[in-house]
Amino acid sequence: MRASKGDHLVVEGRTVSLHRREAEVLEVRGEDGGPPYLVRWEDGHESLAFPGPDAHVVPAGS
């Protein structure tokens, strides 16, 4: 997985109780665009994200 500042990280819900979440990538801390990512979630919360197999990156402007 590769991301750049301004891209969106999308985590798909795997069960009915877990909904789809989306965050803006604020900073890439891994090498060559890899995780971890500092992100801002839709609710304004910022956290360090280590995306799993249920996540994908949507490039900025898409």
PDB file of N, CA and C in Angstrom:
ATOM      1  N   MET A   1       0.851  -1.168   0.000  1.00  0.00           N
ATOM      2  CA  MET A   1       0.000   0.000   0.000  1.00  0.00           C
ATOM      3  C   MET A   1       0.896   1.231   0.000  1.00  0.00           C
ATOM      4  N   ARG A   2       0.539   2.185  -0.845  1.00  0.00           N
ATOM      5  CA  ARG A   2       1.272   3.449  -0.941  1.00  0.00           C
ATOM      6  C   ARG A   2       0.290   4.604  -0.873  1.00  0.00           C
ATOM      7  N   ALA A   3       0.682   5.673  -0.194  1.00  0.00           N
ATOM      8  CA  ALA A   3      -0.168   6.857  -0.085  1.00  0.00           C
ATOM      9  C   ALA A   3       0.703   8.103  -0.104  1.00  0.00           C
ATOM     10  N   SER A   4       0.061   9.224  -0.360  1.00  0.00           N
ATOM     11  CA  SER A   4       0.695  10.534  -0.315  1.00  0.00           C
ATOM     12  C   SER A   4      -0.184  11.454   0.516  1.00  0.00           C
ATOM     13  N   LYS A   5       0.415  12.529   1.007  1.00  0.00           N
ATOM     14  CA  LYS A   5      -0.354  13.517   1.752  1.00  0.00           C
ATOM     15  C   LYS A   5      -1.524  13.990   0.898  1.00  0.00           C
ATOM     16  N   GLY A   6      -2.729  14.040   1.491  1.00  0.00           N
ATOM     17  CA  GLY A   6      -3.932  14.465   0.779  1.00  0.00           C
ATOM     18  C   GLY A   6      -4.765  13.322   0.236  1.00  0.00           C
ATOM     19  N   ASP A   7      -4.181  12.119   0.124  1.00  0.00           N
ATOM     20  CA  ASP A   7      -4.961  10.947  -0.292  1.00  0.00           C
ATOM     21  C   ASP A   7      -5.955  10.592   0.802  1.00  0.00           C
ATOM     22  N   HIS A   8      -6.873   9.684   0.482  1.00  0.00           N
ATOM     23  CA  HIS A   8      -7.839   9.214   1.471  1.00  0.00           C
ATOM     24  C   HIS A   8      -7.621   7.732   1.724  1.00  0.00           C
ATOM     25  N   LEU A   9      -7.639   7.392   3.001  1.00  0.00           N
ATOM     26  CA  LEU A   9      -7.556   6.005   3.430  1.00  0.00           C
ATOM     27  C   LEU A   9      -8.974   5.547   3.710  1.00  0.00           C
ATOM     28  N   VAL A  10      -9.399   4.485   3.050  1.00  0.00           N
ATOM     29  CA  VAL A  10     -10.749   3.942   3.220  1.00  0.00           C
ATOM     30  C   VAL A  10     -10.635   2.555   3.840  1.00  0.00           C
ATOM     31  N   VAL A  11     -11.332   2.375   4.955  1.00  0.00           N
ATOM     32  CA  VAL A  11     -11.366   1.081   5.636  1.00  0.00           C
ATOM     33  C   VAL A  11     -12.788   0.554   5.517  1.00  0.00           C
ATOM     34  N   GLU A  12     -12.939  -0.544   4.806  1.00  0.00           N
ATOM     35  CA  GLU A  12     -14.250  -1.146   4.582  1.00  0.00           C
ATOM     36  C   GLU A  12     -14.681  -1.932   5.814  1.00  0.00           C
ATOM     37  N   GLY A  13     -15.948  -1.810   6.189  1.00  0.00           N
ATOM     38  CA  GLY A  13     -16.484  -2.587   7.295  1.00  0.00           C
ATOM     39  C   GLY A  13     -16.588  -4.051   6.910  1.00  0.00           C
ATOM     40  N   ARG A  14     -16.162  -4.934   7.806  1.00  0.00           N
ATOM     41  CA  ARG A  14     -16.196  -6.364   7.503  1.00  0.00           C
ATOM     42  C   ARG A  14     -17.426  -7.061   8.033  1.00  0.00           C
ATOM     43  N   THR A  15     -18.165  -6.380   8.897  1.00  0.00           N
ATOM     44  CA  THR A  15     -19.391  -6.953   9.446  1.00  0.00           C
ATOM     45  C   THR A  15     -20.472  -5.880   9.423  1.00  0.00           C
ATOM     46  N   VAL A  16     -21.688  -6.277   9.731  1.00  0.00           N
ATOM     47  CA  VAL A  16     -22.810  -5.340   9.747  1.00  0.00           C
ATOM     48  C   VAL A  16     -22.596  -4.243  10.785  1.00  0.00           C
ATOM     49  N   SER A  17     -21.987  -4.585  11.914  1.00  0.00           N
ATOM     50  CA  SER A  17     -21.798  -3.606  12.990  1.00  0.00           C
ATOM     51  C   SER A  17     -20.630  -2.644  12.739  1.00  0.00           C
ATOM     52  N   LEU A  18     -19.760  -2.986  11.805  1.00  0.00           N
ATOM     53  CA  LEU A  18     -18.631  -2.114  11.475  1.00  0.00           C
ATOM     54  C   LEU A  18     -18.897  -1.438  10.135  1.00  0.00           C
ATOM     55  N   HIS A  19     -18.991  -0.122  10.152  1.00  0.00           N
ATOM     56  CA  HIS A  19     -19.275   0.601   8.924  1.00  0.00           C
ATOM     57  C   HIS A  19     -17.980   1.071   8.249  1.00  0.00           C
ATOM     58  N   ARG A  20     -18.108   1.493   7.023  1.00  0.00           N
ATOM     59  CA  ARG A  20     -16.987   2.009   6.236  1.00  0.00           C
ATOM     60  C   ARG A  20     -16.496   3.307   6.874  1.00  0.00           C
ATOM     61  N   ARG A  21     -15.178   3.448   6.990  1.00  0.00           N
ATOM     62  CA  ARG A  21     -14.586   4.664   7.557  1.00  0.00           C
ATOM     63  C   ARG A  21     -13.621   5.254   6.543  1.00  0.00           C
ATOM     64  N   GLU A  22     -13.498   6.570   6.558  1.00  0.00           N
ATOM     65  CA  GLU A  22     -12.608   7.248   5.636  1.00  0.00           C
ATOM     66  C   GLU A  22     -11.822   8.315   6.381  1.00  0.00           C
ATOM     67  N   ALA A  23     -10.550   8.474   6.001  1.00  0.00           N
ATOM     68  CA  ALA A  23      -9.679   9.455   6.638  1.00  0.00           C
ATOM     69  C   ALA A  23      -8.783  10.106   5.595  1.00  0.00           C
ATOM     70  N   GLU A  24      -8.416  11.342   5.849  1.00  0.00           N
ATOM     71  CA  GLU A  24      -7.458  12.042   4.992  1.00  0.00           C
ATOM     72  C   GLU A  24      -6.050  11.774   5.522  1.00  0.00           C
ATOM     73  N   VAL A  25      -5.138  11.461   4.617  1.00  0.00           N
ATOM     74  CA  VAL A  25      -3.749  11.234   4.994  1.00  0.00           C
ATOM     75  C   VAL A  25      -3.086  12.597   5.199  1.00  0.00           C
ATOM     76  N   LEU A  26      -2.632  12.849   6.424  1.00  0.00           N
ATOM     77  CA  LEU A  26      -1.973  14.109   6.762  1.00  0.00           C
ATOM     78  C   LEU A  26      -0.462  14.018   6.626  1.00  0.00           C
ATOM     79  N   GLU A  27       0.056  12.817   6.882  1.00  0.00           N
ATOM     80  CA  GLU A  27       1.500  12.615   6.855  1.00  0.00           C
ATOM     81  C   GLU A  27       1.799  11.141   6.620  1.00  0.00           C
ATOM     82  N   VAL A  28       2.795  10.876   5.794  1.00  0.00           N
ATOM     83  CA  VAL A  28       3.251   9.509   5.537  1.00  0.00           C
ATOM     84  C   VAL A  28       4.538   9.309   6.329  1.00  0.00           C
ATOM     85  N   ARG A  29       4.565   8.319   7.203  1.00  0.00           N
ATOM     86  CA  ARG A  29       5.736   8.102   8.057  1.00  0.00           C
ATOM     87  C   ARG A  29       6.565   6.899   7.655  1.00  0.00           C
ATOM     88  N   GLY A  30       6.048   6.086   6.733  1.00  0.00           N
ATOM     89  CA  GLY A  30       6.796   4.930   6.269  1.00  0.00           C
ATOM     90  C   GLY A  30       7.657   5.285   5.058  1.00  0.00           C
ATOM     91  N   GLU A  31       8.482   4.349   4.649  1.00  0.00           N
ATOM     92  CA  GLU A  31       9.336   4.543   3.484  1.00  0.00           C
ATOM     93  C   GLU A  31       8.546   4.387   2.193  1.00  0.00           C
ATOM     94  N   ASP A  32       8.880   5.187   1.194  1.00  0.00           N
ATOM     95  CA  ASP A  32       8.290   5.085  -0.151  1.00  0.00           C
ATOM     96  C   ASP A  32       6.767   5.110  -0.146  1.00  0.00           C
ATOM     97  N   GLY A  33       6.166   5.912   0.725  1.00  0.00           N
ATOM     98  CA  GLY A  33       4.710   6.035   0.752  1.00  0.00           C
ATOM     99  C   GLY A  33       3.992   4.966   1.535  1.00  0.00           C
ATOM    100  N   GLY A  34       4.746   4.121   2.218  1.00  0.00           N
ATOM    101  CA  GLY A  34       4.137   3.042   2.992  1.00  0.00           C
ATOM    102  C   GLY A  34       3.698   3.489   4.378  1.00  0.00           C
ATOM    103  N   PRO A  35       2.895   2.667   5.051  1.00  0.00           N
ATOM    104  CA  PRO A  35       2.429   2.988   6.391  1.00  0.00           C
ATOM    105  C   PRO A  35       3.587   2.968   7.393  1.00  0.00           C
ATOM    106  N   PRO A  36       3.382   3.581   8.549  1.00  0.00           N
ATOM    107  CA  PRO A  36       2.132   4.125   9.076  1.00  0.00           C
ATOM    108  C   PRO A  36       1.820   5.509   8.520  1.00  0.00           C
ATOM    109  N   TYR A  37       0.539   5.885   8.655  1.00  0.00           N
ATOM    110  CA  TYR A  37       0.047   7.176   8.185  1.00  0.00           C
ATOM    111  C   TYR A  37      -0.585   7.935   9.348  1.00  0.00           C
ATOM    112  N   LEU A  38      -0.296   9.223   9.422  1.00  0.00           N
ATOM    113  CA  LEU A  38      -1.034  10.081  10.336  1.00  0.00           C
ATOM    114  C   LEU A  38      -2.265  10.525   9.561  1.00  0.00           C
ATOM    115  N   VAL A  39      -3.451  10.245  10.102  1.00  0.00           N
ATOM    116  CA  VAL A  39      -4.697  10.516   9.377  1.00  0.00           C
ATOM    117  C   VAL A  39      -5.680  11.311  10.234  1.00  0.00           C
ATOM    118  N   ARG A  40      -6.607  11.980   9.546  1.00  0.00           N
ATOM    119  CA  ARG A  40      -7.729  12.659  10.215  1.00  0.00           C
ATOM    120  C   ARG A  40      -9.005  11.976   9.752  1.00  0.00           C
ATOM    121  N   TRP A  41      -9.701  11.337  10.688  1.00  0.00           N
ATOM    122  CA  TRP A  41     -10.939  10.632  10.378  1.00  0.00           C
ATOM    123  C   TRP A  41     -12.076  11.612  10.157  1.00  0.00           C
ATOM    124  N   GLU A  42     -13.171  11.134   9.636  1.00  0.00           N
ATOM    125  CA  GLU A  42     -14.342  11.972   9.316  1.00  0.00           C
ATOM    126  C   GLU A  42     -14.869  12.746  10.521  1.00  0.00           C
ATOM    127  N   ASP A  43     -14.696  12.198  11.713  1.00  0.00           N
ATOM    128  CA  ASP A  43     -15.193  12.878  12.913  1.00  0.00           C
ATOM    129  C   ASP A  43     -14.203  13.901  13.465  1.00  0.00           C
ATOM    130  N   GLY A  44     -13.062  14.095  12.785  1.00  0.00           N
ATOM    131  CA  GLY A  44     -12.066  15.070  13.193  1.00  0.00           C
ATOM    132  C   GLY A  44     -10.948  14.502  14.051  1.00  0.00           C
ATOM    133  N   HIS A  45     -11.099  13.253  14.487  1.00  0.00           N
ATOM    134  CA  HIS A  45     -10.096  12.590  15.314  1.00  0.00           C
ATOM    135  C   HIS A  45      -8.857  12.290  14.471  1.00  0.00           C
ATOM    136  N   GLU A  46      -7.671  12.556  15.000  1.00  0.00           N
ATOM    137  CA  GLU A  46      -6.425  12.228  14.316  1.00  0.00           C
ATOM    138  C   GLU A  46      -5.763  11.057  15.009  1.00  0.00           C
ATOM    139  N   SER A  47      -5.189  10.162  14.206  1.00  0.00           N
ATOM    140  CA  SER A  47      -4.508   9.007  14.778  1.00  0.00           C
ATOM    141  C   SER A  47      -3.469   8.479  13.799  1.00  0.00           C
ATOM    142  N   LEU A  48      -2.616   7.608  14.299  1.00  0.00           N
ATOM    143  CA  LEU A  48      -1.638   6.929  13.482  1.00  0.00           C
ATOM    144  C   LEU A  48      -2.287   5.636  12.991  1.00  0.00           C
ATOM    145  N   ALA A  49      -2.303   5.435  11.683  1.00  0.00           N
ATOM    146  CA  ALA A  49      -2.994   4.271  11.107  1.00  0.00           C
ATOM    147  C   ALA A  49      -1.992   3.284  10.512  1.00  0.00           C
ATOM    148  N   PHE A  50      -2.211   2.021  10.828  1.00  0.00           N
ATOM    149  CA  PHE A  50      -1.476   0.904  10.269  1.00  0.00           C
ATOM    150  C   PHE A  50      -2.504   0.055   9.523  1.00  0.00           C
ATOM    151  N   PRO A  51      -2.835   0.408   8.270  1.00  0.00           N
ATOM    152  CA  PRO A  51      -3.945  -0.234   7.560  1.00  0.00           C
ATOM    153  C   PRO A  51      -3.752  -1.734   7.356  1.00  0.00           C
ATOM    154  N   GLY A  52      -4.874  -2.440   7.461  1.00  0.00           N
ATOM    155  CA  GLY A  52      -4.885  -3.876   7.236  1.00  0.00           C
ATOM    156  C   GLY A  52      -5.401  -4.214   5.842  1.00  0.00           C
ATOM    157  N   PRO A  53      -5.715  -5.478   5.607  1.00  0.00           N
ATOM    158  CA  PRO A  53      -6.156  -5.926   4.290  1.00  0.00           C
ATOM    159  C   PRO A  53      -7.532  -5.408   3.883  1.00  0.00           C
ATOM    160  N   ASP A  54      -8.292  -4.860   4.829  1.00  0.00           N
ATOM    161  CA  ASP A  54      -9.614  -4.326   4.516  1.00  0.00           C
ATOM    162  C   ASP A  54      -9.567  -2.842   4.146  1.00  0.00           C
ATOM    163  N   ALA A  55      -8.356  -2.302   3.942  1.00  0.00           N
ATOM    164  CA  ALA A  55      -8.196  -0.881   3.630  1.00  0.00           C
ATOM    165  C   ALA A  55      -7.609  -0.683   2.237  1.00  0.00           C
ATOM    166  N   HIS A  56      -7.908   0.483   1.658  1.00  0.00           N
ATOM    167  CA  HIS A  56      -7.292   0.871   0.394  1.00  0.00           C
ATOM    168  C   HIS A  56      -7.158   2.394   0.351  1.00  0.00           C
ATOM    169  N   VAL A  57      -6.309   2.873  -0.547  1.00  0.00           N
ATOM    170  CA  VAL A  57      -6.031   4.290  -0.673  1.00  0.00           C
ATOM    171  C   VAL A  57      -6.715   4.826  -1.925  1.00  0.00           C
ATOM    172  N   VAL A  58      -7.375   5.969  -1.786  1.00  0.00           N
ATOM    173  CA  VAL A  58      -7.972   6.669  -2.919  1.00  0.00           C
ATOM    174  C   VAL A  58      -7.142   7.937  -3.130  1.00  0.00           C
ATOM    175  N   PRO A  59      -6.498   8.058  -4.302  1.00  0.00           N
ATOM    176  CA  PRO A  59      -5.657   9.220  -4.551  1.00  0.00           C
ATOM    177  C   PRO A  59      -6.433  10.534  -4.463  1.00  0.00           C
ATOM    178  N   ALA A  60      -5.765  11.586  -4.022  1.00  0.00           N
ATOM    179  CA  ALA A  60      -6.381  12.913  -3.926  1.00  0.00           C
ATOM    180  C   ALA A  60      -6.915  13.320  -5.287  1.00  0.00           C
ATOM    181  N   GLY A  61      -8.098  13.935  -5.287  1.00  0.00           N
ATOM    182  CA  GLY A  61      -8.703  14.395  -6.526  1.00  0.00           C
ATOM    183  C   GLY A  61      -9.503  13.347  -7.275  1.00  0.00           C
ATOM    184  N   SER A  62      -9.590  12.147  -6.733  1.00  0.00           N
ATOM    185  CA  SER A  62     -10.352  11.081  -7.412  1.00  0.00           C
ATOM    186  C   SER A  62     -11.789  11.082  -6.987  1.00  0.00           C
TER     187      SER A  62
END
